[in-house]
Amino acid sequence: MQFFAIFLLFISMSAIAQDTSRVSNIKCKGGWISTGTSKLEVISYCGQPKYTDVTSGANTVKTEDLLYTIKHKDYIISFRNGKVVRLGAVK
């Protein structure tokens, strides 16, 4: 059952990631998020994410996507090596 729930979360995050538009920065309560911001700073500025999705493997670079709702709008913040590489607003 737990595997099924994780599988559904992965599928939903993948679908959301495809329906996003890039943004240059995001304003959280604690400060501004932009490309290059560390994951630690993002969590300290924005709090815990609504959802998290991690993709990794032997031949891939670990990528982590965090879903946040800020001011009634959903954003996906993508990380590689602990730094923000993409900011997207969910359409």
N, C-alpha and C. Protein backbone atom coordinates (compact mmCIF):
# COMPACT_ATOMS: atom_id res chain seq x y z
N MET A 1 0.83 -1.19 0.00
CA MET A 1 0.00 0.00 0.00
C MET A 1 0.87 1.25 0.00
N GLN A 2 1.95 1.25 0.78
CA GLN A 2 2.83 2.41 0.85
C GLN A 2 3.49 2.64 -0.52
N PHE A 3 3.87 1.55 -1.19
CA PHE A 3 4.47 1.68 -2.52
C PHE A 3 3.50 2.36 -3.48
N PHE A 4 2.22 1.98 -3.42
CA PHE A 4 1.21 2.55 -4.30
C PHE A 4 1.05 4.05 -4.05
N ALA A 5 1.05 4.46 -2.80
CA ALA A 5 0.93 5.88 -2.45
C ALA A 5 2.13 6.66 -2.97
N ILE A 6 3.33 6.11 -2.84
CA ILE A 6 4.54 6.77 -3.33
C ILE A 6 4.51 6.84 -4.85
N PHE A 7 4.05 5.77 -5.49
CA PHE A 7 3.93 5.75 -6.94
C PHE A 7 2.98 6.85 -7.43
N LEU A 8 1.82 6.99 -6.79
CA LEU A 8 0.86 8.02 -7.17
C LEU A 8 1.42 9.42 -6.96
N LEU A 9 2.15 9.62 -5.88
CA LEU A 9 2.78 10.92 -5.62
C LEU A 9 3.79 11.24 -6.72
N PHE A 10 4.59 10.26 -7.12
CA PHE A 10 5.58 10.46 -8.18
C PHE A 10 4.90 10.83 -9.50
N ILE A 11 3.85 10.12 -9.85
CA ILE A 11 3.12 10.40 -11.09
C ILE A 11 2.51 11.80 -11.06
N SER A 12 1.92 12.18 -9.96
CA SER A 12 1.30 13.50 -9.87
C SER A 12 2.33 14.61 -9.93
N MET A 13 3.49 14.43 -9.28
CA MET A 13 4.55 15.44 -9.33
C MET A 13 5.10 15.56 -10.76
N SER A 14 5.23 14.45 -11.47
CA SER A 14 5.71 14.49 -12.85
C SER A 14 4.74 15.24 -13.74
N ALA A 15 3.46 15.02 -13.55
CA ALA A 15 2.44 15.72 -14.34
C ALA A 15 2.45 17.21 -14.04
N ILE A 16 2.59 17.57 -12.77
CA ILE A 16 2.63 18.98 -12.39
C ILE A 16 3.86 19.65 -12.97
N ALA A 17 5.01 18.98 -12.92
CA ALA A 17 6.26 19.56 -13.41
C ALA A 17 6.18 19.89 -14.89
N GLN A 18 5.42 19.13 -15.66
CA GLN A 18 5.29 19.39 -17.08
C GLN A 18 4.38 20.57 -17.37
N ASP A 19 3.57 20.98 -16.44
CA ASP A 19 2.62 22.06 -16.65
C ASP A 19 3.01 23.29 -15.82
N THR A 20 4.27 23.69 -15.93
CA THR A 20 4.75 24.84 -15.18
C THR A 20 5.34 25.88 -16.13
N SER A 21 5.36 27.12 -15.68
CA SER A 21 6.05 28.16 -16.42
C SER A 21 7.18 28.69 -15.53
N ARG A 22 8.31 28.95 -16.15
CA ARG A 22 9.47 29.41 -15.37
C ARG A 22 9.22 30.79 -14.77
N VAL A 23 9.74 30.96 -13.57
CA VAL A 23 9.75 32.27 -12.92
C VAL A 23 11.18 32.55 -12.49
N SER A 24 11.56 33.82 -12.38
CA SER A 24 12.94 34.15 -12.05
C SER A 24 13.22 34.12 -10.55
N ASN A 25 12.19 34.40 -9.73
CA ASN A 25 12.37 34.33 -8.28
C ASN A 25 11.01 34.18 -7.61
N ILE A 26 11.05 33.78 -6.35
CA ILE A 26 9.84 33.59 -5.55
C ILE A 26 10.06 34.26 -4.21
N LYS A 27 9.06 34.99 -3.73
CA LYS A 27 9.13 35.65 -2.42
C LYS A 27 8.43 34.80 -1.38
N CYS A 28 9.19 34.32 -0.40
CA CYS A 28 8.63 33.61 0.75
C CYS A 28 8.64 34.54 1.95
N LYS A 29 8.08 34.09 3.05
CA LYS A 29 8.04 34.93 4.26
C LYS A 29 9.43 35.34 4.72
N GLY A 30 10.42 34.44 4.56
CA GLY A 30 11.75 34.71 5.09
C GLY A 30 12.70 35.38 4.12
N GLY A 31 12.37 35.42 2.83
CA GLY A 31 13.27 36.03 1.86
C GLY A 31 12.99 35.57 0.44
N TRP A 32 13.84 36.01 -0.47
CA TRP A 32 13.69 35.71 -1.89
C TRP A 32 14.42 34.43 -2.26
N ILE A 33 13.80 33.62 -3.14
CA ILE A 33 14.39 32.39 -3.66
C ILE A 33 14.69 32.63 -5.14
N SER A 34 15.90 32.26 -5.58
CA SER A 34 16.26 32.36 -6.99
C SER A 34 17.24 31.25 -7.32
N THR A 35 17.62 31.14 -8.58
CA THR A 35 18.58 30.12 -9.00
C THR A 35 19.86 30.26 -8.17
N GLY A 36 20.35 29.13 -7.67
CA GLY A 36 21.57 29.14 -6.85
C GLY A 36 21.32 29.15 -5.36
N THR A 37 20.10 29.43 -4.93
CA THR A 37 19.77 29.41 -3.50
C THR A 37 19.88 27.97 -2.99
N SER A 38 20.43 27.80 -1.80
CA SER A 38 20.59 26.45 -1.26
C SER A 38 19.26 25.91 -0.74
N LYS A 39 19.17 24.58 -0.66
CA LYS A 39 17.97 23.94 -0.15
C LYS A 39 17.71 24.36 1.30
N LEU A 40 18.76 24.47 2.09
CA LEU A 40 18.64 24.89 3.48
C LEU A 40 18.00 26.28 3.57
N GLU A 41 18.44 27.21 2.71
CA GLU A 41 17.86 28.55 2.70
C GLU A 41 16.38 28.50 2.29
N VAL A 42 16.06 27.71 1.28
CA VAL A 42 14.68 27.61 0.82
C VAL A 42 13.78 27.14 1.95
N ILE A 43 14.19 26.09 2.66
CA ILE A 43 13.38 25.57 3.76
C ILE A 43 13.30 26.59 4.90
N SER A 44 14.38 27.30 5.17
CA SER A 44 14.32 28.30 6.24
C SER A 44 13.45 29.50 5.85
N TYR A 45 13.42 29.87 4.57
CA TYR A 45 12.60 30.98 4.10
C TYR A 45 11.13 30.60 3.92
N CYS A 46 10.89 29.39 3.38
CA CYS A 46 9.53 29.00 2.95
C CYS A 46 8.89 27.94 3.84
N GLY A 47 9.64 27.32 4.74
CA GLY A 47 9.10 26.25 5.56
C GLY A 47 9.17 24.91 4.85
N GLN A 48 8.48 23.93 5.39
CA GLN A 48 8.48 22.58 4.81
C GLN A 48 7.61 22.56 3.55
N PRO A 49 8.04 21.83 2.53
CA PRO A 49 7.25 21.77 1.30
C PRO A 49 5.99 20.92 1.47
N LYS A 50 5.05 21.14 0.57
CA LYS A 50 3.81 20.37 0.55
C LYS A 50 4.10 18.93 0.09
N TYR A 51 4.94 18.78 -0.94
CA TYR A 51 5.36 17.47 -1.47
C TYR A 51 6.83 17.54 -1.87
N THR A 52 7.47 16.36 -1.88
CA THR A 52 8.86 16.24 -2.31
C THR A 52 8.97 15.05 -3.24
N ASP A 53 9.75 15.20 -4.32
CA ASP A 53 10.00 14.11 -5.25
C ASP A 53 11.50 14.09 -5.55
N VAL A 54 12.14 12.93 -5.36
CA VAL A 54 13.57 12.78 -5.62
C VAL A 54 13.76 11.78 -6.74
N THR A 55 14.57 12.17 -7.73
CA THR A 55 14.92 11.28 -8.84
C THR A 55 16.42 11.06 -8.80
N SER A 56 16.85 9.80 -8.76
CA SER A 56 18.29 9.51 -8.76
C SER A 56 18.49 8.12 -9.34
N GLY A 57 19.72 7.81 -9.64
CA GLY A 57 20.05 6.50 -10.18
C GLY A 57 21.52 6.45 -10.53
N ALA A 58 21.96 5.31 -10.99
CA ALA A 58 23.37 5.12 -11.29
C ALA A 58 23.85 6.04 -12.41
N ASN A 59 23.00 6.31 -13.39
CA ASN A 59 23.41 7.12 -14.54
C ASN A 59 22.76 8.49 -14.58
N THR A 60 22.16 8.92 -13.48
CA THR A 60 21.52 10.23 -13.45
C THR A 60 22.01 11.06 -12.27
N VAL A 61 21.95 12.36 -12.44
CA VAL A 61 22.27 13.26 -11.35
C VAL A 61 21.03 13.37 -10.47
N LYS A 62 21.21 13.35 -9.17
CA LYS A 62 20.08 13.44 -8.25
C LYS A 62 19.38 14.78 -8.44
N THR A 63 18.08 14.70 -8.68
CA THR A 63 17.25 15.88 -8.82
C THR A 63 16.14 15.80 -7.78
N GLU A 64 15.87 16.91 -7.14
CA GLU A 64 14.82 16.95 -6.12
C GLU A 64 13.87 18.09 -6.44
N ASP A 65 12.58 17.80 -6.46
CA ASP A 65 11.56 18.80 -6.71
C ASP A 65 10.72 18.98 -5.45
N LEU A 66 10.54 20.23 -5.03
CA LEU A 66 9.71 20.54 -3.86
C LEU A 66 8.52 21.36 -4.33
N LEU A 67 7.33 21.02 -3.84
CA LEU A 67 6.12 21.74 -4.19
C LEU A 67 5.72 22.62 -3.01
N TYR A 68 5.56 23.91 -3.27
CA TYR A 68 5.14 24.88 -2.26
C TYR A 68 3.89 25.59 -2.73
N THR A 69 3.03 25.95 -1.80
CA THR A 69 1.91 26.84 -2.07
C THR A 69 2.22 28.15 -1.36
N ILE A 70 2.39 29.20 -2.15
CA ILE A 70 2.73 30.52 -1.61
C ILE A 70 1.70 31.51 -2.14
N LYS A 71 1.00 32.18 -1.23
CA LYS A 71 -0.05 33.14 -1.59
C LYS A 71 -1.05 32.52 -2.56
N HIS A 72 -1.52 31.33 -2.24
CA HIS A 72 -2.56 30.61 -2.99
C HIS A 72 -2.12 30.20 -4.40
N LYS A 73 -0.82 30.14 -4.65
CA LYS A 73 -0.30 29.72 -5.95
C LYS A 73 0.74 28.63 -5.72
N ASP A 74 0.73 27.58 -6.57
CA ASP A 74 1.66 26.47 -6.42
C ASP A 74 2.94 26.72 -7.23
N TYR A 75 4.07 26.40 -6.62
CA TYR A 75 5.38 26.52 -7.25
C TYR A 75 6.15 25.23 -7.07
N ILE A 76 6.91 24.85 -8.08
CA ILE A 76 7.84 23.73 -7.97
C ILE A 76 9.25 24.30 -8.02
N ILE A 77 10.03 23.97 -7.00
CA ILE A 77 11.42 24.40 -6.92
C ILE A 77 12.28 23.17 -7.12
N SER A 78 13.12 23.18 -8.15
CA SER A 78 13.96 22.02 -8.50
C SER A 78 15.40 22.25 -8.07
N PHE A 79 16.00 21.20 -7.51
CA PHE A 79 17.37 21.27 -6.98
C PHE A 79 18.26 20.22 -7.64
N ARG A 80 19.52 20.57 -7.81
CA ARG A 80 20.59 19.62 -8.13
C ARG A 80 21.77 20.00 -7.25
N ASN A 81 22.37 19.00 -6.65
CA ASN A 81 23.50 19.22 -5.75
C ASN A 81 23.17 20.24 -4.66
N GLY A 82 21.92 20.24 -4.18
CA GLY A 82 21.53 21.10 -3.07
C GLY A 82 21.30 22.55 -3.42
N LYS A 83 21.30 22.91 -4.70
CA LYS A 83 21.09 24.30 -5.14
C LYS A 83 19.89 24.37 -6.09
N VAL A 84 19.17 25.48 -6.05
CA VAL A 84 18.03 25.69 -6.95
C VAL A 84 18.53 25.81 -8.38
N VAL A 85 17.94 25.00 -9.30
CA VAL A 85 18.28 25.08 -10.71
C VAL A 85 17.08 25.53 -11.56
N ARG A 86 15.88 25.44 -10.98
CA ARG A 86 14.68 25.86 -11.74
C ARG A 86 13.57 26.23 -10.78
N LEU A 87 12.86 27.29 -11.11
CA LEU A 87 11.68 27.73 -10.38
C LEU A 87 10.51 27.73 -11.36
N GLY A 88 9.42 27.09 -10.99
CA GLY A 88 8.28 27.04 -11.89
C GLY A 88 6.98 27.29 -11.18
N ALA A 89 6.11 28.09 -11.82
CA ALA A 89 4.76 28.31 -11.31
C ALA A 89 3.85 27.32 -11.99
N VAL A 90 3.05 26.61 -11.22
CA VAL A 90 2.12 25.63 -11.77
C VAL A 90 0.96 26.39 -12.40
N LYS A 91 0.64 26.04 -13.63
CA LYS A 91 -0.43 26.73 -14.37
C LYS A 91 -1.79 26.29 -13.89
